[in-house]
């Protein structure tokens, strides 16, 4: 998880933006908007989630793999599992 106050603030800001996008998407579906605007909002939501995932993954990799003198085999395995799930 984000460690610094700035990183936490940035993650929370992204999460709030994602929540707003999800709510807008729900309203668009309820209102019966056409496919194009709904798909565009869905793509924006997906991009926002991927951006948050990339930021958190970056922080995790820096914290885990930057250990001195070297990361443990368990830390490497956990990181590889995260990468595999992220790349699906």
Protein backbone atom coordinates (compact mmCIF):
# COMPACT_ATOMS: atom_id res chain seq x y z
CA UNK A 1 0.00 0.00 0.00
CA UNK A 2 1.12 3.57 -0.49
CA UNK A 3 3.45 4.57 2.34
CA UNK A 4 3.86 8.33 2.10
CA UNK A 5 1.08 10.83 2.70
CA UNK A 6 1.48 12.08 -0.87
CA UNK A 7 1.17 8.56 -2.33
CA UNK A 8 -1.91 7.85 -0.20
CA UNK A 9 -3.49 11.13 -1.25
CA UNK A 10 -2.81 10.38 -4.92
CA UNK A 11 -4.30 6.86 -4.59
CA UNK A 12 -7.41 8.15 -2.79
CA UNK A 13 -7.87 10.86 -5.41
CA UNK A 14 -7.69 8.24 -8.16
CA UNK A 15 -10.17 6.02 -6.29
CA UNK A 16 -12.62 8.89 -5.95
CA UNK A 17 -12.30 9.62 -9.66
CA UNK A 18 -12.92 5.94 -10.41
CA UNK A 19 -15.99 5.96 -8.17
CA UNK A 20 -17.31 9.02 -10.00
CA UNK A 21 -16.73 7.35 -13.35
CA UNK A 22 -18.52 4.19 -12.19
CA UNK A 23 -21.48 6.24 -10.97
CA UNK A 24 -21.62 8.11 -14.30
CA UNK A 25 -21.53 4.80 -16.13
CA UNK A 26 -24.39 3.48 -14.00
CA UNK A 27 -26.45 6.61 -14.72
CA UNK A 28 -25.77 6.29 -18.45
CA UNK A 29 -26.94 2.67 -18.47
CA UNK A 30 -30.03 3.51 -16.40
CA UNK A 31 -30.87 6.38 -18.77
CA UNK A 32 -30.56 4.08 -21.77
CA UNK A 33 -27.77 5.99 -23.49
CA UNK A 34 -26.42 4.48 -26.68
CA UNK A 35 -23.62 1.96 -26.87
CA UNK A 36 -20.93 4.40 -27.99
CA UNK A 37 -21.09 6.74 -24.96
CA UNK A 38 -21.40 3.82 -22.53
CA UNK A 39 -18.42 2.04 -24.09
CA UNK A 40 -16.42 5.26 -24.03
CA UNK A 41 -17.15 5.71 -20.31
CA UNK A 42 -16.31 2.08 -19.68
CA UNK A 43 -12.96 2.49 -21.47
CA UNK A 44 -12.22 5.58 -19.36
CA UNK A 45 -13.04 3.63 -16.20
CA UNK A 46 -10.81 0.76 -17.27
CA UNK A 47 -7.98 3.22 -17.98
CA UNK A 48 -8.35 4.78 -14.55
CA UNK A 49 -8.26 1.38 -12.83
CA UNK A 50 -5.22 0.33 -14.86
CA UNK A 51 -3.47 3.58 -13.93
CA UNK A 52 -4.09 2.97 -10.24
CA UNK A 53 -2.92 -0.63 -10.56
CA UNK A 54 0.26 0.49 -12.32
CA UNK A 55 1.02 3.05 -9.60
CA UNK A 56 0.47 0.55 -6.80
CA UNK A 57 2.46 -2.12 -8.60
CA UNK A 58 5.30 0.35 -9.13
CA UNK A 59 5.35 1.20 -5.42
CA UNK A 60 5.20 -2.46 -4.43
CA UNK A 61 8.06 -3.42 -6.75
CA UNK A 62 10.22 -0.56 -5.51
CA UNK A 63 9.60 -1.50 -1.87
CA UNK A 64 9.92 -5.26 -2.31
CA UNK A 65 12.72 -5.58 -4.82
CA UNK A 66 14.82 -2.71 -3.54
CA UNK A 67 15.54 -4.51 -0.27
CA UNK A 68 19.18 -4.86 0.64
CA UNK A 69 21.15 -6.94 -0.03
CA UNK A 70 18.59 -8.84 -2.16
CA UNK A 71 14.90 -9.67 -2.05
CA UNK A 72 13.92 -13.03 -0.62
CA UNK A 73 12.80 -15.82 -2.96
CA UNK A 74 9.33 -15.51 -1.39
CA UNK A 75 9.21 -11.79 -2.23
CA UNK A 76 10.20 -12.53 -5.81
CA UNK A 77 7.52 -15.25 -6.08
CA UNK A 78 4.86 -12.94 -4.66
CA UNK A 79 5.88 -10.19 -7.07
CA UNK A 80 5.78 -12.55 -10.04
CA UNK A 81 2.29 -13.72 -9.01
CA UNK A 82 1.15 -10.08 -8.89
CA UNK A 83 2.60 -9.41 -12.31
CA UNK A 84 0.92 -12.51 -13.75
CA UNK A 85 -2.47 -11.46 -12.38
CA UNK A 86 -1.98 -7.89 -13.57
CA UNK A 87 -1.04 -8.96 -17.09
CA UNK A 88 -4.08 -11.22 -17.60
